[in-house]
């Protein structure tokens, strides 16, 4: 599954031009705790444009 997620996010471990940094976080729910991959913007400039609709596909 990690490989598919990396491909979706165009992430390549160790690459300097990645748009994201992949981190593992603990996710807690009422039933359990598990770890999950989270892709975080690698540069603040990626966060400059707000997507008011919440649908990034409209803003591609």
PDB file of N, CA and C in Angstrom:
ATOM      1  N   UNK A   1       0.806  -1.189   0.000  1.00  0.00           N
ATOM      2  CA  UNK A   1       0.000   0.000   0.000  1.00  0.00           C
ATOM      3  C   UNK A   1       0.856   1.263   0.000  1.00  0.00           C
ATOM      4  N   UNK A   2       1.987   1.235   0.695  1.00  0.00           N
ATOM      5  CA  UNK A   2       2.862   2.403   0.739  1.00  0.00           C
ATOM      6  C   UNK A   2       3.311   2.796  -0.666  1.00  0.00           C
ATOM      7  N   UNK A   3       3.646   1.830  -1.485  1.00  0.00           N
ATOM      8  CA  UNK A   3       4.101   2.132  -2.850  1.00  0.00           C
ATOM      9  C   UNK A   3       3.008   2.829  -3.637  1.00  0.00           C
ATOM     10  N   UNK A   4       1.776   2.369  -3.510  1.00  0.00           N
ATOM     11  CA  UNK A   4       0.667   2.989  -4.224  1.00  0.00           C
ATOM     12  C   UNK A   4       0.437   4.420  -3.739  1.00  0.00           C
ATOM     13  N   UNK A   5       0.525   4.642  -2.425  1.00  0.00           N
ATOM     14  CA  UNK A   5       0.368   5.995  -1.889  1.00  0.00           C
ATOM     15  C   UNK A   5       1.487   6.911  -2.379  1.00  0.00           C
ATOM     16  N   UNK A   6       2.718   6.404  -2.366  1.00  0.00           N
ATOM     17  CA  UNK A   6       3.846   7.193  -2.854  1.00  0.00           C
ATOM     18  C   UNK A   6       3.651   7.568  -4.318  1.00  0.00           C
ATOM     19  N   UNK A   7       3.179   6.640  -5.128  1.00  0.00           N
ATOM     20  CA  UNK A   7       2.939   6.932  -6.541  1.00  0.00           C
ATOM     21  C   UNK A   7       1.837   7.973  -6.699  1.00  0.00           C
ATOM     22  N   UNK A   8       0.776   7.850  -5.931  1.00  0.00           N
ATOM     23  CA  UNK A   8      -0.319   8.808  -5.988  1.00  0.00           C
ATOM     24  C   UNK A   8       0.164  10.221  -5.658  1.00  0.00           C
ATOM     25  N   UNK A   9       1.021  10.343  -4.658  1.00  0.00           N
ATOM     26  CA  UNK A   9       1.525  11.648  -4.222  1.00  0.00           C
ATOM     27  C   UNK A   9       2.801  12.052  -4.960  1.00  0.00           C
ATOM     28  N   UNK A  10       3.223  11.239  -5.930  1.00  0.00           N
ATOM     29  CA  UNK A  10       4.460  11.480  -6.688  1.00  0.00           C
ATOM     30  C   UNK A  10       5.638  11.688  -5.744  1.00  0.00           C
ATOM     31  N   UNK A  11       5.698  10.828  -4.734  1.00  0.00           N
ATOM     32  CA  UNK A  11       6.733  10.885  -3.707  1.00  0.00           C
ATOM     33  C   UNK A  11       7.789   9.829  -3.981  1.00  0.00           C
ATOM     34  N   UNK A  12       9.057  10.237  -3.904  1.00  0.00           N
ATOM     35  CA  UNK A  12      10.163   9.301  -4.061  1.00  0.00           C
ATOM     36  C   UNK A  12      11.116   9.502  -2.885  1.00  0.00           C
ATOM     37  N   UNK A  13      11.275   8.483  -2.073  1.00  0.00           N
ATOM     38  CA  UNK A  13      12.084   8.613  -0.855  1.00  0.00           C
ATOM     39  C   UNK A  13      13.472   9.157  -1.171  1.00  0.00           C
ATOM     40  N   UNK A  14      13.857  10.213  -0.459  1.00  0.00           N
ATOM     41  CA  UNK A  14      15.179  10.806  -0.625  1.00  0.00           C
ATOM     42  C   UNK A  14      15.287  11.834  -1.736  1.00  0.00           C
ATOM     43  N   UNK A  15      14.261  11.977  -2.568  1.00  0.00           N
ATOM     44  CA  UNK A  15      14.316  12.938  -3.676  1.00  0.00           C
ATOM     45  C   UNK A  15      14.197  14.363  -3.136  1.00  0.00           C
ATOM     46  N   UNK A  16      14.987  15.276  -3.684  1.00  0.00           N
ATOM     47  CA  UNK A  16      14.970  16.660  -3.217  1.00  0.00           C
ATOM     48  C   UNK A  16      13.805  17.459  -3.783  1.00  0.00           C
ATOM     49  N   UNK A  17      13.154  16.972  -4.827  1.00  0.00           N
ATOM     50  CA  UNK A  17      12.071  17.732  -5.453  1.00  0.00           C
ATOM     51  C   UNK A  17      10.678  17.220  -5.088  1.00  0.00           C
ATOM     52  N   UNK A  18      10.565  16.416  -4.028  1.00  0.00           N
ATOM     53  CA  UNK A  18       9.256  15.949  -3.579  1.00  0.00           C
ATOM     54  C   UNK A  18       8.395  17.137  -3.154  1.00  0.00           C
ATOM     55  N   UNK A  19       7.116  17.081  -3.468  1.00  0.00           N
ATOM     56  CA  UNK A  19       6.190  18.107  -2.994  1.00  0.00           C
ATOM     57  C   UNK A  19       5.839  17.882  -1.530  1.00  0.00           C
ATOM     58  N   UNK A  20       6.008  16.638  -1.064  1.00  0.00           N
ATOM     59  CA  UNK A  20       5.596  16.273   0.283  1.00  0.00           C
ATOM     60  C   UNK A  20       6.707  15.570   1.040  1.00  0.00           C
ATOM     61  N   UNK A  21       6.591  15.601   2.347  1.00  0.00           N
ATOM     62  CA  UNK A  21       7.408  14.798   3.244  1.00  0.00           C
ATOM     63  C   UNK A  21       6.474  13.730   3.805  1.00  0.00           C
ATOM     64  N   UNK A  22       6.894  12.485   3.761  1.00  0.00           N
ATOM     65  CA  UNK A  22       6.063  11.399   4.288  1.00  0.00           C
ATOM     66  C   UNK A  22       6.451  11.146   5.738  1.00  0.00           C
ATOM     67  N   UNK A  23       5.477  11.181   6.629  1.00  0.00           N
ATOM     68  CA  UNK A  23       5.721  10.912   8.043  1.00  0.00           C
ATOM     69  C   UNK A  23       4.731   9.853   8.513  1.00  0.00           C
ATOM     70  N   UNK A  24       5.073   9.189   9.584  1.00  0.00           N
ATOM     71  CA  UNK A  24       4.177   8.210  10.188  1.00  0.00           C
ATOM     72  C   UNK A  24       3.663   8.827  11.488  1.00  0.00           C
ATOM     73  N   UNK A  25       2.338   8.887  11.630  1.00  0.00           N
ATOM     74  CA  UNK A  25       1.716   9.413  12.834  1.00  0.00           C
ATOM     75  C   UNK A  25       0.823   8.354  13.465  1.00  0.00           C
ATOM     76  N   UNK A  26       0.659   8.459  14.763  1.00  0.00           N
ATOM     77  CA  UNK A  26      -0.295   7.595  15.453  1.00  0.00           C
ATOM     78  C   UNK A  26      -1.675   8.223  15.332  1.00  0.00           C
ATOM     79  N   UNK A  27      -2.625   7.431  14.890  1.00  0.00           N
ATOM     80  CA  UNK A  27      -4.005   7.865  14.732  1.00  0.00           C
ATOM     81  C   UNK A  27      -4.834   7.158  15.802  1.00  0.00           C
ATOM     82  N   UNK A  28      -5.548   7.943  16.582  1.00  0.00           N
ATOM     83  CA  UNK A  28      -6.358   7.371  17.663  1.00  0.00           C
ATOM     84  C   UNK A  28      -7.840   7.540  17.358  1.00  0.00           C
ATOM     85  N   UNK A  29      -8.572   6.470  17.533  1.00  0.00           N
ATOM     86  CA  UNK A  29     -10.027   6.518  17.431  1.00  0.00           C
ATOM     87  C   UNK A  29     -10.587   6.026  18.760  1.00  0.00           C
ATOM     88  N   UNK A  30     -11.877   6.003  18.867  1.00  0.00           N
ATOM     89  CA  UNK A  30     -12.481   5.494  20.101  1.00  0.00           C
ATOM     90  C   UNK A  30     -12.191   4.011  20.294  1.00  0.00           C
ATOM     91  N   UNK A  31     -12.000   3.287  19.182  1.00  0.00           N
ATOM     92  CA  UNK A  31     -11.790   1.842  19.262  1.00  0.00           C
ATOM     93  C   UNK A  31     -10.331   1.420  19.394  1.00  0.00           C
ATOM     94  N   UNK A  32      -9.410   2.179  18.761  1.00  0.00           N
ATOM     95  CA  UNK A  32      -8.024   1.708  18.742  1.00  0.00           C
ATOM     96  C   UNK A  32      -7.061   2.830  18.355  1.00  0.00           C
ATOM     97  N   UNK A  33      -5.788   2.467  18.373  1.00  0.00           N
ATOM     98  CA  UNK A  33      -4.707   3.342  17.920  1.00  0.00           C
ATOM     99  C   UNK A  33      -3.932   2.586  16.857  1.00  0.00           C
ATOM    100  N   UNK A  34      -3.599   3.267  15.777  1.00  0.00           N
ATOM    101  CA  UNK A  34      -2.831   2.644  14.703  1.00  0.00           C
ATOM    102  C   UNK A  34      -1.907   3.686  14.093  1.00  0.00           C
ATOM    103  N   UNK A  35      -0.934   3.246  13.329  1.00  0.00           N
ATOM    104  CA  UNK A  35      -0.048   4.184  12.642  1.00  0.00           C
ATOM    105  C   UNK A  35      -0.527   4.375  11.209  1.00  0.00           C
ATOM    106  N   UNK A  36      -0.247   5.570  10.671  1.00  0.00           N
ATOM    107  CA  UNK A  36      -0.680   5.883   9.310  1.00  0.00           C
ATOM    108  C   UNK A  36       0.347   6.788   8.644  1.00  0.00           C
ATOM    109  N   UNK A  37       0.486   6.636   7.333  1.00  0.00           N
ATOM    110  CA  UNK A  37       1.329   7.546   6.567  1.00  0.00           C
ATOM    111  C   UNK A  37       0.559   8.834   6.327  1.00  0.00           C
ATOM    112  N   UNK A  38       1.251   9.958   6.544  1.00  0.00           N
ATOM    113  CA  UNK A  38       0.678  11.270   6.292  1.00  0.00           C
ATOM    114  C   UNK A  38       1.658  12.020   5.403  1.00  0.00           C
ATOM    115  N   UNK A  39       1.156  12.648   4.363  1.00  0.00           N
ATOM    116  CA  UNK A  39       1.986  13.422   3.449  1.00  0.00           C
ATOM    117  C   UNK A  39       1.778  14.891   3.755  1.00  0.00           C
ATOM    118  N   UNK A  40       2.876  15.563   4.149  1.00  0.00           N
ATOM    119  CA  UNK A  40       2.832  16.956   4.582  1.00  0.00           C
ATOM    120  C   UNK A  40       3.571  17.802   3.543  1.00  0.00           C
ATOM    121  N   UNK A  41       3.043  18.984   3.240  1.00  0.00           N
ATOM    122  CA  UNK A  41       3.683  19.869   2.264  1.00  0.00           C
ATOM    123  C   UNK A  41       5.147  20.084   2.623  1.00  0.00           C
ATOM    124  N   UNK A  42       6.033  19.908   1.648  1.00  0.00           N
ATOM    125  CA  UNK A  42       7.465  20.036   1.871  1.00  0.00           C
ATOM    126  C   UNK A  42       7.904  21.498   1.918  1.00  0.00           C
ATOM    127  N   UNK A  43       7.111  22.379   1.305  1.00  0.00           N
ATOM    128  CA  UNK A  43       7.449  23.805   1.257  1.00  0.00           C
ATOM    129  C   UNK A  43       6.213  24.627   1.587  1.00  0.00           C
ATOM    130  N   UNK A  44       6.416  25.690   2.325  1.00  0.00           N
ATOM    131  CA  UNK A  44       5.319  26.579   2.679  1.00  0.00           C
ATOM    132  C   UNK A  44       4.624  27.175   1.475  1.00  0.00           C
ATOM    133  N   UNK A  45       5.345  27.320   0.362  1.00  0.00           N
ATOM    134  CA  UNK A  45       4.754  27.908  -0.843  1.00  0.00           C
ATOM    135  C   UNK A  45       3.618  27.053  -1.402  1.00  0.00           C
ATOM    136  N   UNK A  46       3.584  25.781  -1.041  1.00  0.00           N
ATOM    137  CA  UNK A  46       2.502  24.907  -1.490  1.00  0.00           C
ATOM    138  C   UNK A  46       1.199  25.205  -0.763  1.00  0.00           C
ATOM    139  N   UNK A  47       1.295  25.953   0.321  1.00  0.00           N
ATOM    140  CA  UNK A  47       0.128  26.234   1.147  1.00  0.00           C
ATOM    141  C   UNK A  47      -0.425  27.637   0.917  1.00  0.00           C
ATOM    142  N   UNK A  48       0.058  28.334  -0.099  1.00  0.00           N
ATOM    143  CA  UNK A  48      -0.329  29.725  -0.324  1.00  0.00           C
ATOM    144  C   UNK A  48      -1.727  29.898  -0.886  1.00  0.00           C
ATOM    145  N   UNK A  49      -2.250  28.909  -1.570  1.00  0.00           N
ATOM    146  CA  UNK A  49      -3.551  29.061  -2.216  1.00  0.00           C
ATOM    147  C   UNK A  49      -4.615  28.285  -1.460  1.00  0.00           C
ATOM    148  N   UNK A  50      -5.597  29.003  -0.971  1.00  0.00           N
ATOM    149  CA  UNK A  50      -6.699  28.375  -0.244  1.00  0.00           C
ATOM    150  C   UNK A  50      -7.705  27.804  -1.246  1.00  0.00           C
ATOM    151  N   UNK A  51      -8.210  26.621  -0.955  1.00  0.00           N
ATOM    152  CA  UNK A  51      -9.229  25.990  -1.796  1.00  0.00           C
ATOM    153  C   UNK A  51     -10.550  26.113  -1.046  1.00  0.00           C
ATOM    154  N   UNK A  52     -11.263  27.198  -1.318  1.00  0.00           N
ATOM    155  CA  UNK A  52     -12.484  27.497  -0.580  1.00  0.00           C
ATOM    156  C   UNK A  52     -13.545  26.416  -0.713  1.00  0.00           C
ATOM    157  N   UNK A  53     -13.623  25.789  -1.891  1.00  0.00           N
ATOM    158  CA  UNK A  53     -14.642  24.759  -2.107  1.00  0.00           C
ATOM    159  C   UNK A  53     -14.319  23.480  -1.331  1.00  0.00           C
ATOM    160  N   UNK A  54     -13.033  23.295  -0.982  1.00  0.00           N
ATOM    161  CA  UNK A  54     -12.610  22.064  -0.329  1.00  0.00           C
ATOM    162  C   UNK A  54     -12.361  20.936  -1.320  1.00  0.00           C
ATOM    163  N   UNK A  55     -12.600  21.189  -2.608  1.00  0.00           N
ATOM    164  CA  UNK A  55     -12.411  20.165  -3.643  1.00  0.00           C
ATOM    165  C   UNK A  55     -11.193  20.540  -4.488  1.00  0.00           C
ATOM    166  N   UNK A  56     -10.047  19.936  -4.210  1.00  0.00           N
ATOM    167  CA  UNK A  56      -8.822  20.274  -4.917  1.00  0.00           C
ATOM    168  C   UNK A  56      -8.902  19.950  -6.409  1.00  0.00           C
ATOM    169  N   UNK A  57      -9.773  19.013  -6.780  1.00  0.00           N
ATOM    170  CA  UNK A  57      -9.876  18.642  -8.193  1.00  0.00           C
ATOM    171  C   UNK A  57     -10.360  19.809  -9.052  1.00  0.00           C
ATOM    172  N   UNK A  58     -11.189  20.662  -8.491  1.00  0.00           N
ATOM    173  CA  UNK A  58     -11.685  21.823  -9.223  1.00  0.00           C
ATOM    174  C   UNK A  58     -10.554  22.807  -9.500  1.00  0.00           C
ATOM    175  N   UNK A  59      -9.568  22.849  -8.623  1.00  0.00           N
ATOM    176  CA  UNK A  59      -8.486  23.840  -8.692  1.00  0.00           C
ATOM    177  C   UNK A  59      -7.201  23.322  -9.326  1.00  0.00           C
ATOM    178  N   UNK A  60      -7.239  22.201  -9.990  1.00  0.00           N
ATOM    179  CA  UNK A  60      -6.029  21.650 -10.601  1.00  0.00           C
ATOM    180  C   UNK A  60      -5.610  22.489 -11.776  1.00  0.00           C
TER     181      UNK A  60
END
